[in-house]
């Protein structure tokens, strides 16, 4: 069994992993829709969005490995598959089980909106590689936001059943919104150096864009609850272990294996 790597937790590395891990884990969840979406076209759309997110994750994990430092840097596969749970820093919302189609649509809308805003700001990063990754990724995130936003409109303004399901998904997922915008030392360091924005700076733009989507669909945002999830700190829900077991099985069982 392949042993876990020892991660170099510099602020820049953690900042990139928060984004890259969120993309990677969400892509894993979206991949579970292959063969299960309500229409064939959506099977393909979900898979393509997952591939975009994996591409973004690969670019960020590769650069994070470089930033770990001479002699300690890990490649994208090691960072993707050989970390312990506490060394993943994805938003908790990304690791939640697949749910029904309305759940997937709402989650995609929420995270695509966040990622689009992040990529827009990261295009001006003081790190040239991060800026280059962002310039490409923002185009993909715009499409992801538009695609899921269109489905929000269809479900919210559709049948009584579709509206019930999307409202239920909103109530479930809105619990995880505060984590997106919690500030800490990692954010402060990135903001101070120009590496990237503090995620708290995205709170108002995110809520404004989500209000537009919800208003168009005739939906209302739930109230913010006292609950705070902590995936960005490496403290995950009970679902994370299961998704990592599936993701890491092949790499850990056959160390160094190649196709």
Protein backbone atom coordinates (compact mmCIF):
# COMPACT_ATOMS: atom_id res chain seq x y z
CA UNK A 1 0.00 0.00 0.00
CA UNK A 2 1.40 3.38 -1.02
CA UNK A 3 2.18 5.63 1.94
CA UNK A 4 0.78 9.16 2.20
CA UNK A 5 2.97 12.09 1.24
CA UNK A 6 4.01 14.79 3.70
CA UNK A 7 2.59 18.08 2.50
CA UNK A 8 4.47 21.38 2.78
CA UNK A 9 1.69 23.65 4.09
CA UNK A 10 2.89 27.10 3.02
CA UNK A 11 0.11 29.72 2.65
CA UNK A 12 0.52 29.81 -1.14
CA UNK A 13 0.28 26.02 -1.40
CA UNK A 14 -2.80 25.89 0.82
CA UNK A 15 -4.42 28.72 -1.12
CA UNK A 16 -4.02 26.87 -4.42
CA UNK A 17 -5.12 23.56 -2.94
CA UNK A 18 -8.35 25.11 -1.65
CA UNK A 19 -9.30 25.87 -5.22
CA UNK A 20 -7.73 22.82 -6.85
CA UNK A 21 -9.20 20.38 -4.32
CA UNK A 22 -12.64 21.93 -4.67
CA UNK A 23 -12.44 21.47 -8.45
CA UNK A 24 -11.11 17.91 -8.11
CA UNK A 25 -13.69 16.69 -5.60
CA UNK A 26 -16.60 18.37 -7.40
CA UNK A 27 -15.44 16.74 -10.64
CA UNK A 28 -15.53 13.37 -8.88
CA UNK A 29 -19.12 13.98 -7.82
CA UNK A 30 -20.12 15.15 -11.29
CA UNK A 31 -18.57 12.03 -12.78
CA UNK A 32 -21.09 10.00 -10.79
CA UNK A 33 -23.81 11.44 -13.03
CA UNK A 34 -22.49 9.65 -16.10
CA UNK A 35 -25.31 7.33 -17.16
CA UNK A 36 -27.71 8.76 -14.56
CA UNK A 37 -28.67 12.23 -15.82
CA UNK A 38 -32.30 12.80 -16.87
CA UNK A 39 -31.42 13.19 -20.57
CA UNK A 40 -28.50 11.98 -22.70
CA UNK A 41 -27.37 15.52 -23.49
CA UNK A 42 -27.02 16.24 -19.78
CA UNK A 43 -24.95 13.08 -19.32
CA UNK A 44 -22.46 14.60 -21.74
CA UNK A 45 -22.68 18.08 -20.25
CA UNK A 46 -21.98 16.87 -16.71
CA UNK A 47 -19.03 14.81 -17.92
CA UNK A 48 -17.60 17.73 -19.87
CA UNK A 49 -17.92 20.08 -16.90
CA UNK A 50 -16.14 17.47 -14.77
CA UNK A 51 -13.33 17.29 -17.33
CA UNK A 52 -12.95 21.08 -17.29
CA UNK A 53 -12.71 21.01 -13.50
CA UNK A 54 -10.12 18.22 -13.58
CA UNK A 55 -8.07 20.29 -16.02
CA UNK A 56 -8.21 23.24 -13.64
CA UNK A 57 -7.30 21.01 -10.70
CA UNK A 58 -4.34 19.53 -12.58
CA UNK A 59 -2.93 22.95 -13.40
CA UNK A 60 -3.28 24.17 -9.81
CA UNK A 61 -1.92 20.99 -8.20
CA UNK A 62 1.07 21.00 -10.54
CA UNK A 63 1.88 24.60 -9.62
CA UNK A 64 1.26 23.94 -5.93
CA UNK A 65 3.84 21.14 -6.14
CA UNK A 66 6.40 23.57 -7.56
CA UNK A 67 5.69 26.04 -4.78
CA UNK A 68 6.28 23.40 -2.11
CA UNK A 69 9.99 24.01 -2.55
CA UNK A 70 13.15 22.38 -3.78
CA UNK A 71 13.32 18.71 -2.93
CA UNK A 72 9.79 18.61 -1.44
CA UNK A 73 7.64 19.31 -4.46
CA UNK A 74 5.10 16.66 -5.43
CA UNK A 75 3.56 16.09 -8.84
CA UNK A 76 -0.13 16.43 -9.65
CA UNK A 77 -0.87 12.71 -9.17
CA UNK A 78 0.79 12.56 -5.77
CA UNK A 79 -1.13 15.60 -4.61
CA UNK A 80 -4.39 14.30 -6.05
CA UNK A 81 -4.20 10.75 -4.73
CA UNK A 82 -1.63 10.38 -1.94
CA UNK A 83 -2.66 12.87 0.71
CA UNK A 84 -4.40 12.09 3.97
CA UNK A 85 -7.88 13.52 4.46
CA UNK A 86 -6.68 16.36 6.70
CA UNK A 87 -4.39 17.55 3.87
CA UNK A 88 -7.29 18.22 1.49
CA UNK A 89 -8.69 21.75 1.66
CA UNK A 90 -11.77 21.66 -0.57
CA UNK A 91 -15.00 23.36 0.39
CA UNK A 92 -17.26 20.91 2.23
CA UNK A 93 -20.11 21.56 -0.20
CA UNK A 94 -18.12 19.87 -2.99
CA UNK A 95 -17.81 16.55 -1.14
CA UNK A 96 -21.49 16.11 -0.28
CA UNK A 97 -23.13 13.07 -1.93
CA UNK A 98 -24.47 13.36 -5.46
CA UNK A 99 -28.09 13.89 -4.45
CA UNK A 100 -30.85 14.28 -7.04
CA UNK A 101 -30.58 16.34 -10.22
CA UNK A 102 -31.90 19.50 -8.55
CA UNK A 103 -29.22 19.16 -5.87
CA UNK A 104 -26.51 18.85 -8.54
CA UNK A 105 -27.85 21.88 -10.43
CA UNK A 106 -27.96 24.10 -7.34
CA UNK A 107 -24.50 23.03 -6.18
CA UNK A 108 -23.04 23.59 -9.66
CA UNK A 109 -24.59 27.06 -9.82
CA UNK A 110 -23.23 28.04 -6.42
CA UNK A 111 -19.71 26.78 -7.05
CA UNK A 112 -19.47 27.90 -10.68
CA UNK A 113 -20.41 31.41 -9.55
CA UNK A 114 -17.73 31.35 -6.86
CA UNK A 115 -15.07 29.93 -9.17
CA UNK A 116 -15.87 32.44 -11.90
CA UNK A 117 -15.39 35.32 -9.47
CA UNK A 118 -12.17 33.77 -8.15
CA UNK A 119 -10.72 33.24 -11.62
CA UNK A 120 -11.57 36.80 -12.62
CA UNK A 121 -9.56 38.14 -9.68
CA UNK A 122 -6.75 35.59 -10.06
CA UNK A 123 -6.16 36.72 -13.65
CA UNK A 124 -4.37 39.68 -12.03
CA UNK A 125 -2.33 37.51 -9.63
CA UNK A 126 1.25 38.52 -8.84
CA UNK A 127 2.12 34.91 -9.74
CA UNK A 128 2.35 34.74 -13.53
CA UNK A 129 1.49 31.01 -13.68
CA UNK A 130 -1.65 31.49 -11.54
CA UNK A 131 -2.70 34.40 -13.75
CA UNK A 132 -2.28 32.26 -16.88
CA UNK A 133 -4.31 29.39 -15.40
CA UNK A 134 -7.05 31.82 -14.41
CA UNK A 135 -7.25 33.44 -17.84
CA UNK A 136 -8.20 30.08 -19.36
CA UNK A 137 -10.32 28.78 -16.50
CA UNK A 138 -12.58 31.83 -16.26
CA UNK A 139 -13.99 31.08 -19.72
CA UNK A 140 -14.93 27.58 -18.63
CA UNK A 141 -16.43 28.79 -15.35
CA UNK A 142 -18.65 31.29 -17.22
CA UNK A 143 -20.07 28.42 -19.28
CA UNK A 144 -20.57 26.26 -16.19
CA UNK A 145 -22.44 29.09 -14.47
CA UNK A 146 -24.62 29.75 -17.50
CA UNK A 147 -25.40 26.05 -17.99
CA UNK A 148 -26.46 25.41 -14.40
CA UNK A 149 -28.21 28.78 -14.16
CA UNK A 150 -30.38 27.84 -17.15
CA UNK A 151 -31.35 24.64 -15.35
CA UNK A 152 -32.17 26.60 -12.19
CA UNK A 153 -34.65 28.61 -14.25
CA UNK A 154 -36.20 25.49 -15.77
CA UNK A 155 -36.59 23.78 -12.42
CA UNK A 156 -37.76 26.81 -10.45
CA UNK A 157 -40.25 27.83 -13.13
CA UNK A 158 -41.20 24.28 -14.10
CA UNK A 159 -43.51 21.79 -12.47
CA UNK A 160 -44.62 21.73 -8.85
CA UNK A 161 -42.31 18.76 -8.29
CA UNK A 162 -39.25 20.38 -9.87
CA UNK A 163 -39.78 23.52 -7.81
CA UNK A 164 -40.14 21.50 -4.61
CA UNK A 165 -36.90 19.70 -5.30
CA UNK A 166 -34.88 22.82 -6.14
CA UNK A 167 -36.18 24.60 -3.04
CA UNK A 168 -35.19 21.60 -0.92
CA UNK A 169 -31.71 21.59 -2.48
CA UNK A 170 -31.32 25.30 -1.73
CA UNK A 171 -32.17 24.75 1.93
CA UNK A 172 -29.68 21.89 2.19
CA UNK A 173 -26.81 23.58 0.38
CA UNK A 174 -27.17 27.10 1.75
CA UNK A 175 -25.85 25.79 5.08
CA UNK A 176 -22.42 25.57 3.46
CA UNK A 177 -22.29 29.11 2.03
CA UNK A 178 -20.57 30.80 5.02
CA UNK A 179 -17.49 28.59 4.66
CA UNK A 180 -16.84 30.04 1.22
CA UNK A 181 -16.16 33.46 2.67
CA UNK A 182 -14.48 32.73 6.00
CA UNK A 183 -11.19 34.65 6.30
CA UNK A 184 -8.01 33.29 7.86
CA UNK A 185 -4.21 33.65 7.76
CA UNK A 186 -3.97 31.87 4.38
CA UNK A 187 -6.32 34.41 2.79
CA UNK A 188 -4.55 37.31 4.51
CA UNK A 189 -1.14 36.23 3.20
CA UNK A 190 -2.44 35.79 -0.37
CA UNK A 191 -4.16 39.17 -0.34
CA UNK A 192 -1.15 40.98 1.13
CA UNK A 193 1.23 39.61 -1.51
CA UNK A 194 -1.13 40.03 -4.45
CA UNK A 195 -1.12 36.26 -4.97
CA UNK A 196 -4.92 36.12 -4.86
CA UNK A 197 -7.96 37.71 -3.24
CA UNK A 198 -9.20 36.94 0.23
CA UNK A 199 -12.32 34.87 -0.37
CA UNK A 200 -14.24 37.20 1.94
CA UNK A 201 -13.91 39.87 -0.77
CA UNK A 202 -16.12 37.75 -3.01
CA UNK A 203 -19.06 37.57 -0.60
CA UNK A 204 -21.06 40.52 -1.93
CA UNK A 205 -20.41 39.84 -5.65
CA UNK A 206 -21.36 36.19 -5.14
CA UNK A 207 -24.61 37.02 -3.35
CA UNK A 208 -25.46 39.61 -6.02
CA UNK A 209 -25.01 37.12 -8.87
CA UNK A 210 -26.88 34.39 -7.02
CA UNK A 211 -29.77 36.79 -6.37
CA UNK A 212 -30.04 37.41 -10.11
CA UNK A 213 -30.25 33.68 -10.81
CA UNK A 214 -32.74 33.03 -8.02
CA UNK A 215 -34.92 36.02 -8.92
CA UNK A 216 -35.13 34.84 -12.54
CA UNK A 217 -36.24 31.40 -11.34
CA UNK A 218 -38.73 32.83 -8.83
CA UNK A 219 -36.73 31.42 -5.92
CA UNK A 220 -35.57 32.94 -2.66
CA UNK A 221 -32.26 32.46 -0.86
CA UNK A 222 -32.62 30.75 2.53
CA UNK A 223 -31.48 32.55 5.67
CA UNK A 224 -27.92 32.02 6.80
CA UNK A 225 -27.66 29.49 9.63
CA UNK A 226 -25.26 29.35 12.57
CA UNK A 227 -23.69 26.14 11.24
CA UNK A 228 -20.14 26.46 9.90
CA UNK A 229 -18.45 23.77 7.80
CA UNK A 230 -14.64 23.56 7.84
CA UNK A 231 -13.40 21.74 4.74
CA UNK A 232 -11.06 24.63 3.87
CA UNK A 233 -9.26 23.92 7.14
CA UNK A 234 -8.90 20.20 6.38
CA UNK A 235 -11.76 19.18 8.71
CA UNK A 236 -14.29 17.40 6.55
CA UNK A 237 -17.72 15.82 6.64
CA UNK A 238 -18.24 12.09 7.06
CA UNK A 239 -18.54 11.83 3.26
CA UNK A 240 -14.93 12.77 2.49
CA UNK A 241 -13.41 9.47 3.58
CA UNK A 242 -15.64 7.51 1.23
CA UNK A 243 -14.87 9.68 -1.79
CA UNK A 244 -11.13 9.50 -1.08
CA UNK A 245 -11.28 5.72 -0.72
CA UNK A 246 -12.72 5.52 -4.22
CA UNK A 247 -10.38 8.13 -5.71
CA UNK A 248 -7.20 6.76 -4.15
CA UNK A 249 -7.74 3.00 -4.35
CA UNK A 250 -5.89 2.32 -7.62
CA UNK A 251 -2.95 4.65 -6.94
CA UNK A 252 -2.37 3.30 -3.44
CA UNK A 253 -2.87 -0.35 -4.38
CA UNK A 254 -0.44 -0.24 -7.33
CA UNK A 255 2.24 2.36 -6.47
CA UNK A 256 3.83 3.86 -9.54
CA UNK A 257 1.47 1.97 -11.84
CA UNK A 258 1.15 3.22 -15.43
CA UNK A 259 -1.27 2.43 -18.23
